[in-house]
Amino acid sequence: MAAQTQREYWSGKVGGEWATHAERIDVMLGPVTETLLSAAALQPGDRAVDIGCGAGATSLEIARRVAPNGAVTGVDLSPQLLAVARERARDANLNADFVEADAGAVTFPHPLDVAFSRFGVMFFDAPTQAFAHIRSTLRSGGRIAFACWRPMADNPWATIPILAIEAMLKEPLPRPDPDAPGPYAFADPNKVERILREAGWSDIALARWDGDISIGGGGALEDIANFVLRIGPCARAIADQNLSMAEAQQRLIDRLAPLYKDDALMIPAACWIVTARA
């Protein structure tokens, strides 16, 4: 993004919206999270870093899996999301710390066993350098596991809402820049493998994940539409082009209603589950 740094973006209005809707996001991404946690092969006693930890749900699950002697540090740029994460950790009485920092530069007092990220690594300004630094924080043979989105065209959960408001757009939306930080920066598997290899990682593996996710975590259709207005590509389009929220919500409800069943809106998603060794 040209106008804002990643820190400015995630510490501003967007970070606030994500913090407000943290529980909905966690439910929505739950199926991917379970697969990613399995891929991370966490063991009791492991020391881990959760990159782009957001509101901390993944960090807390890591803490449960590495207990009783392990630990996890969640790293994120958003103070609003980190405030939610710290509150959750206190309530759950789990061994999880949280740091407001760039995960591509943060340091730790001892080598770590695992680096983990649920959709947090695609936002590095200099990904090769960031992944080289992350590798340097791990012990020899330490492992990384992260999820990143495959191309936007393969993710109807993102494209269907955009199509719903397409008639309102004042100008066509820019196509995702594959060379810029953003949700689809790691859509190309060859790019991901090249970056990791150049950063010194080995045993690199990418597995396809395909499945339905519950948009906004389910609930009333009006509430799901409101979530889509505030989180994701549709929200960005509305903000950038100053579109009518009321009109956009009605268009979303009309478009999504045929897909709504049993208090949920289940739409296909596609991502990579990536693992490698330090």
Protein backbone atom coordinates (compact mmCIF):
# COMPACT_ATOMS: atom_id res chain seq x y z
CA MET A 1 0.00 0.00 0.00
CA ALA A 2 1.45 3.32 -1.07
CA ALA A 3 -0.27 5.80 1.22
CA GLN A 4 0.25 3.97 4.51
CA THR A 5 2.86 1.74 6.05
CA GLN A 6 1.73 -1.65 7.30
CA ARG A 7 2.09 -0.38 10.88
CA GLU A 8 -0.13 2.63 10.17
CA TYR A 9 -2.69 0.47 8.40
CA TRP A 10 -3.03 -2.15 11.14
CA SER A 11 -2.85 0.31 14.03
CA GLY A 12 -5.61 2.48 12.56
CA LYS A 13 -9.26 1.90 11.72
CA VAL A 14 -8.64 -1.52 10.21
CA GLY A 15 -7.02 -2.82 13.38
CA GLY A 16 -9.98 -1.54 15.37
CA GLU A 17 -12.48 -3.30 13.11
CA TRP A 18 -10.57 -6.58 13.29
CA ALA A 19 -10.41 -6.33 17.08
CA THR A 20 -14.16 -5.71 17.28
CA HIS A 21 -14.89 -8.73 15.09
CA ALA A 22 -12.13 -11.00 16.44
CA GLU A 23 -14.43 -13.81 17.56
CA ARG A 24 -16.20 -13.89 14.19
CA ILE A 25 -12.87 -14.01 12.35
CA ASP A 26 -11.65 -16.88 14.51
CA VAL A 27 -14.76 -18.96 13.79
CA MET A 28 -14.53 -18.14 10.07
CA LEU A 29 -10.88 -19.25 9.85
CA GLY A 30 -11.31 -22.20 12.21
CA PRO A 31 -11.05 -24.98 9.58
CA VAL A 32 -7.78 -23.58 8.21
CA THR A 33 -6.46 -23.06 11.73
CA GLU A 34 -6.95 -26.70 12.68
CA THR A 35 -5.10 -27.93 9.60
CA LEU A 36 -2.28 -25.46 10.15
CA LEU A 37 -1.88 -26.40 13.81
CA SER A 38 -1.57 -30.04 12.82
CA ALA A 39 1.06 -29.13 10.22
CA ALA A 40 3.06 -27.26 12.88
CA ALA A 41 3.42 -30.52 14.85
CA LEU A 42 3.66 -28.66 18.16
CA GLN A 43 5.06 -30.60 21.11
CA PRO A 44 4.97 -30.01 24.88
CA GLY A 45 7.93 -27.86 25.80
CA ASP A 46 8.24 -26.12 22.43
CA ARG A 47 9.03 -22.42 22.32
CA ALA A 48 7.10 -20.74 19.52
CA VAL A 49 6.47 -17.39 17.85
CA ASP A 50 3.06 -16.60 16.34
CA ILE A 51 3.67 -14.16 13.48
CA GLY A 52 0.84 -11.69 12.89
CA CYS A 53 -0.97 -13.17 15.87
CA GLY A 54 -3.85 -10.70 15.71
CA ALA A 55 -6.28 -11.12 18.59
CA GLY A 56 -4.35 -14.11 19.91
CA ALA A 57 -6.62 -17.10 19.28
CA THR A 58 -3.86 -19.03 17.54
CA SER A 59 -1.32 -18.04 20.19
CA LEU A 60 -3.55 -19.38 22.95
CA GLU A 61 -4.08 -22.66 21.15
CA ILE A 62 -0.31 -22.96 20.67
CA ALA A 63 0.12 -22.28 24.40
CA ARG A 64 -2.25 -25.15 25.21
CA ARG A 65 -0.34 -27.54 22.96
CA VAL A 66 3.14 -26.68 24.25
CA ALA A 67 2.14 -26.72 27.95
CA PRO A 68 3.25 -27.20 30.62
CA ASN A 69 6.84 -26.16 29.98
CA GLY A 70 6.59 -24.49 26.57
CA ALA A 71 5.83 -20.88 25.72
CA VAL A 72 4.58 -18.74 22.86
CA THR A 73 5.13 -15.11 21.93
CA GLY A 74 2.55 -13.50 19.67
CA VAL A 75 3.87 -10.66 17.49
CA ASP A 76 1.68 -8.14 15.70
CA LEU A 77 1.65 -4.51 14.54
CA SER A 78 -1.86 -3.72 15.82
CA PRO A 79 -2.18 -2.43 19.40
CA GLN A 80 -5.94 -2.91 19.26
CA LEU A 81 -5.65 -6.58 18.36
CA LEU A 82 -2.89 -7.14 20.91
CA ALA A 83 -5.08 -5.65 23.64
CA VAL A 84 -7.69 -8.31 22.89
CA ALA A 85 -5.00 -11.02 22.82
CA ARG A 86 -3.63 -10.03 26.24
CA GLU A 87 -7.10 -9.98 27.76
CA ARG A 88 -7.83 -13.43 26.34
CA ALA A 89 -4.55 -14.80 27.71
CA ARG A 90 -5.30 -13.43 31.19
CA ASP A 91 -8.78 -14.91 31.15
CA ALA A 92 -7.46 -18.31 30.02
CA ASN A 93 -4.46 -18.24 32.40
CA LEU A 94 -2.15 -19.43 29.63
CA ASN A 95 1.60 -18.89 29.16
CA ALA A 96 1.46 -16.49 26.20
CA ASP A 97 3.24 -13.17 25.80
CA PHE A 98 2.46 -10.53 23.19
CA VAL A 99 4.77 -7.99 21.56
CA GLU A 100 3.92 -5.05 19.32
CA ALA A 101 6.64 -5.34 16.71
CA ASP A 102 7.58 -6.29 13.16
CA ALA A 103 7.99 -10.06 13.19
CA GLY A 104 10.61 -9.71 10.49
CA ALA A 105 12.92 -7.91 12.91
CA VAL A 106 11.95 -8.88 16.47
CA THR A 107 14.52 -10.77 18.56
CA PHE A 108 14.21 -13.33 21.36
CA PRO A 109 16.51 -14.18 24.30
CA HIS A 110 16.64 -17.90 23.41
CA PRO A 111 16.38 -19.90 20.16
CA LEU A 112 12.84 -20.97 19.29
CA ASP A 113 11.54 -24.32 18.07
CA VAL A 114 8.60 -23.20 15.93
CA ALA A 115 7.49 -20.20 13.88
CA PHE A 116 3.75 -20.16 13.10
CA SER A 117 1.50 -17.82 11.17
CA ARG A 118 -2.14 -17.84 10.12
CA PHE A 119 -2.28 -15.39 7.21
CA GLY A 120 0.30 -13.02 8.72
CA VAL A 121 3.41 -13.43 6.57
CA MET A 122 2.08 -11.95 3.30
CA PHE A 123 2.48 -8.40 4.58
CA PHE A 124 6.28 -8.22 4.85
CA ASP A 125 7.75 -5.33 2.86
CA ALA A 126 10.95 -7.34 2.28
CA PRO A 127 9.87 -10.99 2.59
CA THR A 128 13.20 -12.68 1.87
CA GLN A 129 14.96 -10.64 4.53
CA ALA A 130 12.08 -11.17 6.96
CA PHE A 131 12.12 -14.95 6.51
CA ALA A 132 15.91 -15.02 6.85
CA HIS A 133 15.56 -13.18 10.15
CA ILE A 134 12.81 -15.51 11.37
CA ARG A 135 15.02 -18.50 10.52
CA SER A 136 17.81 -16.93 12.57
CA THR A 137 15.56 -16.90 15.65
CA LEU A 138 15.03 -20.69 15.48
CA ARG A 139 17.29 -23.47 16.64
CA SER A 140 18.95 -25.60 13.97
CA GLY A 141 16.24 -27.88 12.60
CA GLY A 142 13.47 -25.67 13.91
CA ARG A 143 10.35 -25.49 11.80
CA ILE A 144 7.93 -23.01 10.32
CA ALA A 145 4.28 -23.53 9.41
CA PHE A 146 2.10 -20.84 7.86
CA ALA A 147 -1.06 -20.37 5.85
CA CYS A 148 -1.35 -17.96 2.92
CA TRP A 149 -4.15 -17.38 0.43
CA ARG A 150 -4.04 -18.83 -3.06
CA PRO A 151 -5.13 -16.45 -5.89
CA MET A 152 -8.15 -14.26 -5.24
CA ALA A 153 -9.93 -15.88 -8.22
CA ASP A 154 -9.76 -19.21 -6.35
CA ASN A 155 -11.44 -17.70 -3.27
CA PRO A 156 -15.16 -17.13 -3.82
CA TRP A 157 -15.50 -15.95 -0.20
CA ALA A 158 -13.63 -12.83 -1.38
CA THR A 159 -14.92 -12.47 -4.94
CA ILE A 160 -18.66 -13.00 -4.38
CA PRO A 161 -19.07 -9.92 -2.13
CA ILE A 162 -17.09 -7.81 -4.61
CA LEU A 163 -19.40 -8.94 -7.43
CA ALA A 164 -22.39 -8.02 -5.25
CA ILE A 165 -21.36 -4.36 -5.12
CA GLU A 166 -19.74 -4.21 -8.56
CA ALA A 167 -22.50 -2.03 -10.02
CA MET A 168 -21.81 0.60 -7.34
CA LEU A 169 -18.09 0.95 -8.06
CA LYS A 170 -16.97 4.32 -9.36
CA GLU A 171 -13.95 2.71 -11.02
CA PRO A 172 -12.69 -0.85 -11.44
CA LEU A 173 -10.82 -2.27 -8.49
CA PRO A 174 -7.07 -2.62 -8.98
CA ARG A 175 -5.85 -6.17 -9.40
CA PRO A 176 -3.74 -7.44 -6.50
CA ASP A 177 -0.08 -6.60 -7.08
CA PRO A 178 1.79 -9.92 -6.67
CA ASP A 179 4.98 -8.04 -5.77
CA ALA A 180 3.44 -5.84 -3.06
CA PRO A 181 2.52 -6.76 0.52
CA GLY A 182 -1.09 -7.88 0.74
CA PRO A 183 -3.43 -10.85 1.23
CA TYR A 184 -2.49 -12.47 -2.10
CA ALA A 185 1.23 -11.69 -2.14
CA PHE A 186 2.03 -15.40 -1.65
CA ALA A 187 -0.56 -16.82 -4.05
CA ASP A 188 2.16 -18.10 -6.42
CA PRO A 189 3.69 -21.29 -4.96
CA ASN A 190 6.88 -20.84 -6.97
CA LYS A 191 7.36 -17.40 -5.45
CA VAL A 192 6.84 -18.76 -1.94
CA GLU A 193 9.34 -21.55 -2.48
CA ARG A 194 11.90 -19.17 -4.01
CA ILE A 195 11.64 -16.71 -1.10
CA LEU A 196 12.03 -19.43 1.50
CA ARG A 197 14.93 -21.05 -0.34
CA GLU A 198 16.74 -17.71 -0.72
CA ALA A 199 16.14 -17.07 2.99
CA GLY A 200 17.95 -20.30 3.85
CA TRP A 201 15.04 -22.67 4.61
CA SER A 202 15.05 -26.35 3.63
CA ASP A 203 12.50 -29.18 3.33
CA ILE A 204 10.02 -26.68 1.88
CA ALA A 205 6.55 -28.11 1.24
CA LEU A 206 3.30 -26.52 0.08
CA ALA A 207 -0.01 -28.35 0.48
CA ARG A 208 -3.29 -27.15 -0.99
CA TRP A 209 -6.13 -26.49 1.42
CA ASP A 210 -9.65 -26.21 -0.02
CA GLY A 211 -12.84 -26.02 1.99
CA ASP A 212 -15.89 -24.01 2.94
CA ILE A 213 -15.57 -21.32 5.58
CA SER A 214 -18.38 -19.70 7.56
CA ILE A 215 -18.32 -16.05 6.55
CA GLY A 216 -18.43 -13.82 9.61
CA GLY A 217 -18.76 -16.89 11.83
CA GLY A 218 -22.46 -17.32 11.01
CA GLY A 219 -25.54 -15.76 12.60
CA ALA A 220 -28.23 -13.54 11.08
CA LEU A 221 -27.70 -12.71 7.40
CA GLU A 222 -27.85 -8.98 8.19
CA ASP A 223 -25.02 -9.39 10.71
CA ILE A 224 -22.94 -11.39 8.23
CA ALA A 225 -23.45 -8.70 5.59
CA ASN A 226 -22.37 -6.07 8.10
CA PHE A 227 -19.22 -8.10 8.81
CA VAL A 228 -18.40 -8.27 5.08
CA LEU A 229 -18.84 -4.50 4.87
CA ARG A 230 -16.10 -4.07 7.49
CA ILE A 231 -13.65 -6.96 7.02
CA GLY A 232 -12.01 -8.04 3.76
CA PRO A 233 -11.80 -6.84 0.15
CA CYS A 234 -15.37 -5.55 0.00
CA ALA A 235 -14.71 -3.33 3.01
CA ARG A 236 -11.57 -1.92 1.37
CA ALA A 237 -13.47 -1.11 -1.83
CA ILE A 238 -16.25 0.69 0.06
CA ALA A 239 -13.74 2.76 2.04
CA ASP A 240 -11.52 3.63 -0.92
CA GLN A 241 -14.41 4.72 -3.15
CA ASN A 242 -16.62 6.24 -0.45
CA LEU A 243 -19.61 4.08 -1.34
CA SER A 244 -22.97 4.04 0.42
CA MET A 245 -22.87 1.53 3.26
CA ALA A 246 -26.65 1.17 3.26
CA GLU A 247 -26.84 0.42 -0.45
CA ALA A 248 -23.88 -1.93 -0.25
CA GLN A 249 -25.46 -3.86 2.62
CA GLN A 250 -28.71 -4.32 0.73
CA ARG A 251 -26.88 -5.49 -2.38
CA LEU A 252 -24.88 -7.94 -0.26
CA ILE A 253 -28.00 -9.31 1.42
CA ASP A 254 -29.71 -9.79 -1.96
CA ARG A 255 -26.68 -11.55 -3.44
CA LEU A 256 -25.89 -13.71 -0.41
CA ALA A 257 -29.44 -14.75 0.51
CA PRO A 258 -29.55 -17.75 -1.89
CA LEU A 259 -26.33 -19.07 -0.28
CA TYR A 260 -27.53 -18.61 3.31
CA LYS A 261 -28.62 -21.79 5.08
CA ASP A 262 -28.98 -22.90 8.70
CA ASP A 263 -27.79 -19.54 10.09
CA ALA A 264 -24.55 -19.71 8.14
CA LEU A 265 -23.00 -18.55 4.89
CA MET A 266 -20.59 -21.28 3.80
CA ILE A 267 -18.40 -20.25 0.84
CA PRO A 268 -15.32 -21.98 -0.61
CA ALA A 269 -11.82 -20.79 0.24
CA ALA A 270 -8.39 -21.84 -1.01
CA CYS A 271 -4.98 -21.43 0.61
CA TRP A 272 -1.52 -22.93 0.92
CA ILE A 273 -0.30 -24.68 4.05
CA VAL A 274 3.46 -24.15 3.96
CA THR A 275 6.09 -25.91 6.07
CA ALA A 276 9.89 -25.74 6.09
CA ARG A 277 12.95 -26.38 8.27
CA ALA A 278 15.52 -23.90 9.52
